[in-house]
Protein backbone atom coordinates (compact mmCIF):
# COMPACT_ATOMS: atom_id res chain seq x y z
CA MET A 1 169.75 140.98 206.09
CA THR A 2 168.44 142.28 202.95
CA PRO A 3 171.47 144.21 200.81
CA GLY A 4 171.49 148.03 200.94
CA PRO A 5 170.60 149.85 197.74
CA SER A 6 173.96 150.62 195.88
CA ASP A 7 174.67 146.55 195.86
CA HIS A 8 172.59 146.21 192.54
CA GLY A 9 174.42 142.43 192.06
CA ALA A 10 172.98 141.48 195.88
CA LEU A 11 169.56 142.61 195.15
CA LEU A 12 169.41 140.78 192.02
CA GLU A 13 170.36 137.90 194.06
CA GLU A 14 168.19 138.08 197.17
CA MET A 15 165.12 139.03 194.21
CA GLU A 16 166.47 135.53 192.41
CA ARG A 17 166.27 133.60 195.36
CA LEU A 18 162.77 134.83 196.64
CA LEU A 19 161.26 133.83 192.81
CA GLN A 20 162.58 130.56 193.06
CA GLU A 21 160.96 130.08 196.56
CA MET A 22 157.72 131.48 195.38
CA GLU A 23 157.84 129.02 192.47
CA GLY A 24 158.89 126.24 194.35
CA ALA A 25 155.13 126.77 196.62
CA LYS A 26 152.78 123.58 196.57
CA ASP A 27 149.82 125.89 196.00
CA ALA A 28 149.20 126.40 192.17
CA ALA A 29 147.41 129.80 193.21
CA THR A 30 148.82 131.11 195.08
CA ARG A 31 151.81 131.00 192.78
CA GLU A 32 149.71 132.05 190.14
CA LYS A 33 148.86 135.36 192.32
CA ALA A 34 152.57 136.17 193.34
CA ARG A 35 153.45 136.22 189.45
CA ALA A 36 150.84 138.70 188.71
CA VAL A 37 151.75 140.67 191.30
CA VAL A 38 155.33 140.51 190.00
CA ARG A 39 154.03 141.28 186.74
CA ALA A 40 152.09 144.43 188.09
CA LEU A 41 154.72 145.83 189.65
CA LEU A 42 156.90 145.49 186.69
CA ASP A 43 154.23 147.29 184.63
CA VAL A 44 154.36 150.13 187.20
CA HIS A 45 157.45 150.98 187.35
CA GLY A 46 157.71 150.36 183.56
CA ALA A 47 155.32 153.16 182.67
CA GLY A 48 157.22 155.18 185.72
CA LEU A 49 160.53 155.21 184.16
CA ALA A 50 158.98 156.01 180.45
CA ARG A 51 157.51 158.98 182.48
CA ILE A 52 161.22 159.83 183.45
CA ARG A 53 162.63 159.05 179.85
CA ASP A 54 159.37 161.23 178.19
CA ALA A 55 160.39 164.04 180.53
CA LEU A 56 164.28 163.84 180.07
CA VAL A 57 163.59 163.87 175.99
CA ALA A 58 161.31 166.75 175.99
CA LYS A 59 164.50 168.66 177.84
CA GLY A 60 166.35 168.52 174.50
CA LYS A 61 170.34 168.12 174.43
CA VAL A 62 170.78 168.47 178.24
CA GLY A 63 167.57 165.81 178.66
CA TRP A 64 169.50 163.17 176.64
CA GLU A 65 172.61 163.68 178.30
CA VAL A 66 171.30 162.85 181.94
CA LEU A 67 168.93 159.93 180.27
CA GLY A 68 172.62 158.74 178.62
CA GLU A 69 174.59 159.16 182.18
CA CYS A 70 171.10 157.25 184.00
CA ALA A 71 171.62 154.34 181.00
CA ARG A 72 175.34 154.10 181.56
CA ASP A 73 174.72 153.47 185.07
CA PRO A 74 174.71 149.33 185.20
CA LEU A 75 171.71 148.94 187.42
CA VAL A 76 169.81 151.72 185.36
CA GLY A 77 170.48 150.54 182.94
CA SER A 78 169.56 147.04 183.06
CA LEU A 79 165.92 148.34 184.09
CA LEU A 80 166.00 150.34 180.86
CA VAL A 81 166.51 147.14 178.65
CA LEU A 82 164.09 145.47 180.62
CA HIS A 83 161.62 147.23 179.88
CA GLY A 84 162.73 148.36 176.10
CA LEU A 85 163.52 151.75 177.08
CA HIS A 86 167.19 152.22 176.60
CA PRO A 87 167.96 155.05 174.56
CA GLU A 88 171.39 153.32 173.10
CA PRO A 89 170.20 150.91 170.24
CA LEU A 90 171.02 146.91 170.67
CA GLU A 91 174.26 147.65 168.14
CA ALA A 92 176.18 150.35 169.77
CA ARG A 93 175.71 148.66 173.38
CA VAL A 94 177.01 145.55 171.69
CA GLN A 95 179.95 148.05 170.48
CA ALA A 96 180.28 149.55 173.62
CA GLY A 97 180.65 146.06 175.44
CA LEU A 98 183.91 144.92 172.69
CA GLY A 99 185.44 148.63 173.40
CA LYS A 100 185.62 146.96 176.83
CA VAL A 101 187.31 144.08 175.86
CA GLU A 102 189.71 145.85 173.18
CA THR A 103 192.97 145.75 174.94
CA PHE A 104 192.66 142.80 176.31
CA LEU A 105 192.20 141.22 172.92
CA LYS A 106 195.19 143.47 171.42
CA LEU A 107 197.21 142.17 174.32
CA ASN A 108 196.55 138.69 172.60
CA ARG A 109 197.17 139.59 169.41
CA SER A 110 193.49 139.09 168.68
CA THR A 111 190.25 141.01 167.43
CA VAL A 112 186.67 140.27 167.06
CA GLN A 113 184.35 140.77 164.48
CA VAL A 114 180.77 141.35 164.09
CA LEU A 115 179.12 138.74 161.99
CA SER A 116 175.41 139.53 162.48
CA LEU A 117 173.11 141.30 164.84
CA GLY A 118 170.37 140.33 164.31
CA ARG A 119 166.58 139.33 166.37
CA ASP A 120 168.11 135.64 166.74
CA ALA A 121 171.33 136.58 167.78
CA VAL A 122 174.60 138.10 168.34
CA ARG A 123 177.11 136.33 165.78
CA LEU A 124 180.67 137.43 166.17
CA ARG A 125 184.17 136.17 165.20
CA ILE A 126 187.00 136.45 167.28
CA VAL A 127 190.21 135.98 165.69
CA ALA A 128 193.57 135.04 167.76
CA ASP A 129 196.89 135.11 166.24
CA PRO A 130 198.29 131.77 168.20
CA ALA A 131 201.96 133.05 168.14
CA GLY A 132 200.60 136.01 170.31
CA LEU A 133 198.10 134.07 172.52
CA LYS A 134 198.81 134.77 176.59
CA THR A 135 195.92 133.17 178.10
CA SER A 136 193.26 130.27 176.41
CA PRO A 137 191.13 130.99 173.26
CA GLU A 138 188.21 130.11 176.01
CA LYS A 139 189.15 133.09 177.70
CA LEU A 140 189.20 135.16 175.34
CA ARG A 141 185.50 133.93 174.52
CA GLY A 142 184.23 134.33 178.33
CA ALA A 143 185.92 138.06 178.45
CA VAL A 144 183.79 138.63 175.00
CA GLU A 145 180.96 137.04 176.40
CA GLN A 146 180.85 138.79 179.60
CA ALA A 147 181.24 141.83 178.09
CA LEU A 148 178.53 141.80 175.99
CA LEU A 149 176.47 140.58 179.37
CA GLU A 150 176.88 143.30 180.73
CA ALA A 151 176.55 145.88 178.06
CA ALA A 152 173.50 144.58 176.28
CA PRO A 153 171.75 142.05 178.42
CA ASP A 154 168.56 141.63 175.78
CA ALA A 155 170.75 140.30 173.12
CA PRO A 156 168.72 137.44 171.64
CA SER A 157 171.71 135.03 171.97
CA LEU A 158 175.45 135.11 171.52
CA ASP A 159 177.38 132.72 169.51
CA ILE A 160 180.75 133.35 169.17
CA GLU A 161 183.50 131.78 168.04
CA VAL A 162 187.27 131.44 168.27
CA LEU A 163 189.42 130.87 164.89
CA GLN A 164 193.49 130.73 165.24
CA GLN A 165 195.15 131.98 162.57
CA GLY A 166 198.15 134.08 161.57
CA ALA A 167 197.94 137.64 163.07
CA PRO A 168 194.86 139.94 162.72
């Protein structure tokens, strides 16, 4: 049974399953034709999303507000990122992702520092007070990583170190 349109996680899993099945095809020509169809479909969707973005931006402040609202939707936001159309720069999305785990970090007397945000990697440091940790350093790292994967899936790579020292 095909997942419903509101269950984007299941839709992505189904797409991944189908892509793996396609890559497993024995005939190289068939695989290449299927890849070409996927590329063409992505190009059409990207062009359509670009036109929607441009139409919204042309409407001024109201259009930007609607585009921002759309970009905050996990599915639409990921499509905008995929096609390089997201209205928020990577840095802002990284900060928004970190904001989602701020309370969790505070409860564990920890903070996170952005060391660098470049084309090659997003480098972060979690500074944790061992006396205030209610969880493991690995769970702190995992929470930050998950938040960034959701907020900025286009981050080139994540390098997250955990430093345990006195109260941050």
